Amino acid sequence: MGKLGLFVDRQTLGNSEQLTSLIKCRDDAESRGHSVYFIFPVEIKKIATVDALFIRSRTDPMNISFVAAKMAEYQGIPVIDDPQSIQICSDKINMYLHLMKQDVPIPATVFLSKSDITPRYVNRLFEKYGSPLVLKEPSTSFSMRVEKVQTPGEFIKVAKRFIKLSDRIVAQQYVESRYDWRVGVLDGEFLYACKYIIPSETFKIQATVNGHLVYCAVRSVRRDEVPPAVVDVAIRAGRAVGSGLYGVDLKETESGPCVIEVNDNPSLEGGEDTLYPDIYAKIVSYLLEGGAKTR
C-alpha cells in the first residue's frame, strides 16, 4: 500500500465544500489501504517521503504548487497536476496551440501582438467573425481578464490594456450559450460531467457585476445524459494536453461542440462529484495503483 500526499494551503481549506472534498479523497484512499498526509507549503520537503502527490491548491507556474509539482517529478513521484499540464493550461495560447495541433474544435481563434492592435486589423476581425468578439489575456483564470467587446473601438481599448500583461493576447469568435459543459477527464478517459449554468447578468461562469461577485450554478449530469459528441471532444481535448486530470469546458454549436478551455486542477467540490462518488477512488487508483507513471 502507498502513501498519498495532499498538497493544500489555507485557500484550499477556505470553505466547507473544499474541506469535505479533501476528506472524501482521504477516506477513499484509506479505504483502499493507503495512508494519507496533508502537506502544507511550509512542509514542502515532505513530498519526498510520499509515493504520490495530489495538488489541491491553485496551480500556476508562479505559485509554490508548481514547485511542489516539480519536486514530485524530480523524485519520480506520480503527481496531479504534473508540471507540463500546469504550464500548458496556465497559458491559454499554449493550451489552444495544443488543441489546434490535434484538430480539437475550438471557436475561431487568433493571437494578436501589440502591432496587430490597429483599426484596420481589428475591423477585419469584426468583418470576418462578427460581433461581439471575446478577448482573453493568456494567463487569466477564474474568468478574470476575459471580456466581450461589441465594437472595434471597444476591442482596441481592452486589447491595449491586456497587451500590457502579455506579449500576445487571444481573440475569439463569441459563442452564445446559457451553460457550459464541464467534463472531467483523467488519463484520457471520462471521469464526470456537469453543467455550469451561466448567470443571467454575464456571459462568464464567474464575474463581478455592480460590485458583487456572481457565480454559475452547477448541475451534475449522468454520463448517459451527456451528448456523445461532447464526451468525445472533451476526451480528445484532455489527451491533447496530457494524461493527467483536467476539467474541459465546452459549448454546443450547430456544427458540434467546441472547447472553450482545458483546466488543470479542476474543482471537484462544487457539485461536480454529486453523481460521481467514485471520482476520488479513481484518482487514488491512478496515482497509487499503476495508472500513473511510477518511479
Protein backbone atom coordinates (compact mmCIF):
# COMPACT_ATOMS: atom_id res chain seq x y z
CA MET A 1 0.00 0.00 0.00
CA GLY A 2 1.13 3.54 -0.68
CA LYS A 3 1.40 6.97 0.91
CA LEU A 4 -0.62 9.75 -0.72
CA GLY A 5 0.28 13.37 -0.13
CA LEU A 6 -2.43 16.02 -0.47
CA PHE A 7 -0.76 19.36 -1.10
CA VAL A 8 -3.02 22.06 0.35
CA ASP A 9 -2.93 25.64 1.59
CA ARG A 10 -5.22 27.95 3.55
CA GLN A 11 -7.11 28.89 0.40
CA THR A 12 -7.78 25.22 -0.32
CA LEU A 13 -9.48 24.96 3.04
CA GLY A 14 -11.42 28.17 2.54
CA ASN A 15 -14.90 26.65 2.75
CA SER A 16 -16.70 23.56 3.95
CA GLU A 17 -17.18 22.16 0.43
CA GLN A 18 -13.44 22.15 -0.22
CA LEU A 19 -12.72 20.53 3.12
CA THR A 20 -15.42 17.89 2.55
CA SER A 21 -13.88 17.08 -0.84
CA LEU A 22 -10.46 16.55 0.73
CA ILE A 23 -11.96 14.34 3.44
CA LYS A 24 -13.72 12.22 0.79
CA CYS A 25 -10.43 11.79 -1.03
CA ARG A 26 -8.65 10.84 2.19
CA ASP A 27 -11.39 8.38 3.19
CA ASP A 28 -11.42 6.70 -0.22
CA ALA A 29 -7.65 6.33 -0.18
CA GLU A 30 -7.66 4.89 3.33
CA SER A 31 -10.49 2.51 2.46
CA ARG A 32 -8.20 1.11 -0.22
CA GLY A 33 -5.44 0.54 2.34
CA HIS A 34 -3.37 3.64 1.64
CA SER A 35 -2.22 6.26 4.13
CA VAL A 36 -2.83 9.97 3.51
CA TYR A 37 -0.85 13.00 4.62
CA PHE A 38 -1.81 16.65 4.25
CA ILE A 39 1.20 18.66 3.15
CA PHE A 40 1.22 22.45 3.54
CA PRO A 41 3.66 24.78 1.73
CA VAL A 42 5.88 25.12 4.82
CA GLU A 43 6.20 21.31 4.81
CA ILE A 44 7.05 21.02 1.11
CA LYS A 45 10.14 18.90 1.84
CA LYS A 46 7.80 16.09 2.94
CA ILE A 47 6.91 15.50 -0.72
CA ALA A 48 9.99 13.29 -0.99
CA THR A 49 8.51 10.93 1.62
CA VAL A 50 5.23 10.09 -0.18
CA ASP A 51 4.52 7.74 -3.07
CA ALA A 52 2.13 10.05 -4.94
CA LEU A 53 1.06 13.69 -4.75
CA PHE A 54 -2.36 15.22 -5.39
CA ILE A 55 -2.15 19.01 -5.53
CA ARG A 56 -5.29 20.71 -4.28
CA SER A 57 -4.09 24.31 -4.20
CA ARG A 58 -4.17 26.83 -7.01
CA THR A 59 -1.76 25.80 -9.74
CA ASP A 60 0.29 28.36 -11.62
CA PRO A 61 3.96 28.46 -12.68
CA MET A 62 4.39 31.41 -10.31
CA ASN A 63 2.87 29.61 -7.29
CA ILE A 64 4.50 27.25 -4.82
CA SER A 65 2.19 24.49 -6.09
CA PHE A 66 4.30 24.43 -9.25
CA VAL A 67 7.41 23.96 -7.13
CA ALA A 68 5.63 21.05 -5.45
CA ALA A 69 4.83 19.52 -8.84
CA LYS A 70 8.45 19.90 -9.99
CA MET A 71 9.73 18.36 -6.76
CA ALA A 72 7.47 15.35 -7.24
CA GLU A 73 8.53 14.99 -10.86
CA TYR A 74 12.20 15.20 -9.90
CA GLN A 75 11.70 12.46 -7.30
CA GLY A 76 9.84 10.27 -9.82
CA ILE A 77 6.62 10.57 -7.81
CA PRO A 78 3.31 10.46 -9.73
CA VAL A 79 1.64 13.85 -9.39
CA ILE A 80 -1.60 15.59 -10.29
CA ASP A 81 -1.10 18.13 -11.66
CA ASP A 82 2.16 17.46 -13.41
CA PRO A 83 4.35 20.47 -14.28
CA GLN A 84 3.75 20.19 -18.02
CA SER A 85 -0.03 20.29 -17.61
CA ILE A 86 0.25 23.31 -15.31
CA GLN A 87 2.40 25.16 -17.84
CA ILE A 88 0.09 24.37 -20.73
CA CYS A 89 -3.19 25.18 -19.01
CA SER A 90 -1.94 28.34 -17.32
CA ASP A 91 -1.17 29.90 -20.71
CA LYS A 92 -4.21 29.99 -22.99
CA ILE A 93 -2.10 30.46 -26.12
CA ASN A 94 -0.07 27.37 -25.28
CA MET A 95 -3.29 25.49 -24.49
CA TYR A 96 -5.05 26.48 -27.72
CA LEU A 97 -1.99 25.58 -29.78
CA HIS A 98 -2.05 22.08 -28.28
CA LEU A 99 -5.74 21.75 -29.16
CA MET A 100 -5.21 23.07 -32.68
CA LYS A 101 -2.36 20.64 -33.26
CA GLN A 102 -4.73 17.73 -32.51
CA ASP A 103 -7.64 19.24 -34.52
CA VAL A 104 -9.79 19.65 -31.42
CA PRO A 105 -12.65 22.04 -32.32
CA ILE A 106 -12.47 25.46 -30.68
CA PRO A 107 -14.14 28.78 -31.53
CA ALA A 108 -12.45 30.72 -34.34
CA THR A 109 -9.31 31.99 -32.61
CA VAL A 110 -6.50 34.40 -33.43
CA PHE A 111 -3.47 35.52 -31.42
CA LEU A 112 -2.55 39.19 -31.50
CA SER A 113 0.68 41.01 -30.74
CA LYS A 114 0.92 44.71 -29.97
CA SER A 115 1.49 45.57 -33.62
CA ASP A 116 -1.82 43.92 -34.57
CA ILE A 117 -3.90 46.24 -32.42
CA THR A 118 -4.75 48.68 -35.19
CA PRO A 119 -8.14 49.90 -36.51
CA ARG A 120 -7.51 48.27 -39.88
CA TYR A 121 -6.70 44.81 -38.48
CA VAL A 122 -9.41 44.90 -35.85
CA ASN A 123 -12.04 45.97 -38.39
CA ARG A 124 -11.09 42.93 -40.48
CA LEU A 125 -11.63 40.66 -37.47
CA PHE A 126 -15.15 42.01 -36.96
CA GLU A 127 -15.90 41.64 -40.66
CA LYS A 128 -14.72 38.03 -40.61
CA TYR A 129 -16.07 36.81 -37.26
CA GLY A 130 -18.90 39.19 -36.49
CA SER A 131 -19.81 40.97 -33.27
CA PRO A 132 -19.29 40.53 -30.40
CA LEU A 133 -15.81 39.09 -30.02
CA VAL A 134 -14.15 37.79 -26.86
CA LEU A 135 -10.73 38.95 -25.71
CA LYS A 136 -8.60 36.97 -23.27
CA GLU A 137 -5.32 37.72 -21.57
CA PRO A 138 -3.45 34.37 -21.73
CA SER A 139 -2.68 33.97 -18.02
CA THR A 140 -6.27 34.53 -16.92
CA SER A 141 -8.04 32.20 -14.51
CA PHE A 142 -11.47 32.18 -12.89
CA SER A 143 -12.82 34.20 -15.86
CA MET A 144 -10.68 37.21 -14.98
CA ARG A 145 -9.36 39.31 -17.88
CA VAL A 146 -11.90 37.79 -20.25
CA GLU A 147 -14.12 40.43 -21.83
CA LYS A 148 -16.75 40.59 -24.54
CA VAL A 149 -16.36 43.53 -26.93
CA GLN A 150 -19.03 44.84 -29.28
CA THR A 151 -17.15 47.34 -31.46
CA PRO A 152 -13.65 47.84 -32.92
CA GLY A 153 -13.15 50.82 -30.62
CA GLU A 154 -14.01 48.76 -27.56
CA PHE A 155 -11.79 45.95 -28.83
CA ILE A 156 -8.77 48.26 -29.13
CA LYS A 157 -9.34 49.75 -25.69
CA VAL A 158 -9.47 46.34 -23.97
CA ALA A 159 -6.68 44.86 -26.10
CA LYS A 160 -4.30 47.69 -25.20
CA ARG A 161 -5.00 47.02 -21.53
CA PHE A 162 -4.41 43.26 -21.87
CA ILE A 163 -1.28 43.57 -24.03
CA LYS A 164 0.47 45.32 -21.14
CA LEU A 165 0.35 41.99 -19.30
CA SER A 166 1.41 39.65 -22.10
CA ASP A 167 3.30 39.61 -25.39
CA ARG A 168 0.22 38.25 -27.14
CA ILE A 169 -3.49 38.07 -26.39
CA VAL A 170 -6.35 35.88 -27.62
CA ALA A 171 -9.34 36.98 -29.68
CA GLN A 172 -12.18 34.52 -30.28
CA GLN A 173 -15.49 34.34 -32.01
CA TYR A 174 -18.29 34.62 -29.47
CA VAL A 175 -20.41 31.52 -28.89
CA GLU A 176 -23.81 32.25 -27.36
CA SER A 177 -24.99 29.85 -24.64
CA ARG A 178 -26.61 29.83 -21.23
CA TYR A 179 -24.46 26.98 -19.93
CA ASP A 180 -21.10 25.33 -20.41
CA TRP A 181 -20.47 21.63 -20.25
CA ARG A 182 -17.70 20.72 -17.82
CA VAL A 183 -16.33 17.25 -18.47
CA GLY A 184 -13.70 15.77 -16.19
CA VAL A 185 -11.03 13.72 -17.94
CA LEU A 186 -8.49 11.54 -16.13
CA ASP A 187 -5.72 9.74 -18.00
CA GLY A 188 -7.57 10.28 -21.28
CA GLU A 189 -10.84 8.81 -20.01
CA PHE A 190 -14.20 10.24 -18.93
CA LEU A 191 -14.44 10.96 -15.19
CA TYR A 192 -17.54 13.12 -14.62
CA ALA A 193 -19.82 15.67 -16.26
CA CYS A 194 -21.83 18.66 -15.14
CA LYS A 195 -23.37 21.84 -16.49
CA TYR A 196 -22.23 25.27 -15.45
CA ILE A 197 -25.33 27.44 -15.71
CA ILE A 198 -24.14 30.91 -16.65
CA PRO A 199 -25.60 33.75 -14.54
CA SER A 200 -28.05 35.93 -16.44
CA GLU A 201 -26.03 39.03 -15.59
CA THR A 202 -22.94 37.92 -17.51
CA PHE A 203 -21.58 35.62 -20.22
CA LYS A 204 -18.98 34.04 -17.93
CA ILE A 205 -19.21 31.39 -15.22
CA GLN A 206 -17.89 33.93 -12.70
CA ALA A 207 -17.93 37.72 -12.86
CA THR A 208 -18.16 40.87 -10.81
CA VAL A 209 -21.43 42.68 -11.55
CA ASN A 210 -22.16 46.03 -9.92
CA GLY A 211 -19.54 45.31 -7.29
CA HIS A 212 -20.91 41.88 -6.45
CA LEU A 213 -19.36 38.53 -7.37
CA VAL A 214 -21.78 36.21 -9.17
CA TYR A 215 -21.14 32.51 -9.76
CA CYS A 216 -22.56 29.91 -12.07
CA ALA A 217 -24.85 27.21 -10.73
CA VAL A 218 -23.52 23.67 -11.05
CA ARG A 219 -25.68 20.71 -12.03
CA SER A 220 -24.17 17.25 -12.08
CA VAL A 221 -25.25 15.24 -15.15
CA ARG A 222 -25.20 11.48 -15.66
CA ARG A 223 -22.98 10.29 -18.47
CA ASP A 224 -25.88 8.80 -20.43
CA GLU A 225 -27.45 12.28 -20.48
CA VAL A 226 -24.38 13.92 -21.99
CA PRO A 227 -24.29 14.11 -25.81
CA PRO A 228 -21.73 11.56 -27.04
CA ALA A 229 -20.05 14.23 -29.18
CA VAL A 230 -19.45 16.35 -26.07
CA VAL A 231 -17.76 13.43 -24.30
CA ASP A 232 -15.71 12.58 -27.38
CA VAL A 233 -14.42 16.13 -27.89
CA ALA A 234 -13.68 16.54 -24.19
CA ILE A 235 -11.60 13.36 -24.13
CA ARG A 236 -9.71 14.48 -27.23
CA ALA A 237 -9.03 17.82 -25.58
CA GLY A 238 -7.74 16.20 -22.40
CA ARG A 239 -5.46 13.90 -24.36
CA ALA A 240 -4.16 16.86 -26.36
CA VAL A 241 -2.83 18.36 -23.12
CA GLY A 242 -1.58 15.23 -21.34
CA SER A 243 -2.54 12.21 -19.26
CA GLY A 244 -3.49 13.92 -16.00
CA LEU A 245 -6.71 15.30 -14.54
CA TYR A 246 -8.48 18.04 -16.49
CA GLY A 247 -11.76 19.91 -16.47
CA VAL A 248 -12.76 20.58 -20.08
CA ASP A 249 -15.24 23.39 -20.73
CA LEU A 250 -17.30 23.10 -23.91
CA LYS A 251 -20.19 24.82 -25.65
CA GLU A 252 -22.59 23.24 -28.10
CA THR A 253 -22.98 24.82 -31.53
CA GLU A 254 -24.86 23.96 -34.72
CA SER A 255 -21.68 22.41 -36.10
CA GLY A 256 -20.98 20.42 -32.92
CA PRO A 257 -19.32 21.01 -29.55
CA CYS A 258 -16.27 23.22 -29.26
CA VAL A 259 -13.78 23.53 -26.44
CA ILE A 260 -13.61 26.85 -24.62
CA GLU A 261 -10.67 25.82 -22.49
CA VAL A 262 -8.97 22.98 -20.66
CA ASN A 263 -8.33 23.47 -16.95
CA ASP A 264 -5.78 21.65 -14.87
CA ASN A 265 -6.58 21.30 -11.15
CA PRO A 266 -10.35 21.34 -11.79
CA SER A 267 -12.81 21.93 -8.99
CA LEU A 268 -14.37 18.75 -7.63
CA GLU A 269 -16.33 20.15 -4.71
CA GLY A 270 -18.87 22.49 -6.28
CA GLY A 271 -21.35 19.77 -7.20
CA GLU A 272 -19.19 18.17 -9.88
CA ASP A 273 -18.99 14.98 -7.82
CA THR A 274 -22.70 14.71 -6.92
CA LEU A 275 -23.49 11.86 -9.32
CA TYR A 276 -19.93 10.52 -9.42
CA PRO A 277 -18.93 9.37 -5.93
CA ASP A 278 -16.13 7.26 -7.42
CA ILE A 279 -14.14 10.31 -8.59
CA TYR A 280 -11.71 10.16 -5.70
CA ALA A 281 -11.23 6.40 -5.80
CA LYS A 282 -10.33 6.66 -9.50
CA ILE A 283 -7.83 9.43 -8.81
CA VAL A 284 -6.25 7.43 -5.98
CA SER A 285 -6.07 4.36 -8.20
CA TYR A 286 -4.43 6.38 -10.97
CA LEU A 287 -1.82 7.80 -8.63
CA LEU A 288 -1.04 4.79 -6.44
CA GLU A 289 -2.21 1.66 -8.22
CA GLY A 290 -0.46 1.68 -11.54
CA GLY A 291 -2.36 4.26 -13.57
CA ALA A 292 0.30 6.95 -13.46
CA LYS A 293 3.99 6.79 -14.20
CA THR A 294 5.91 5.41 -11.25
CA ARG A 295 9.48 5.89 -10.22
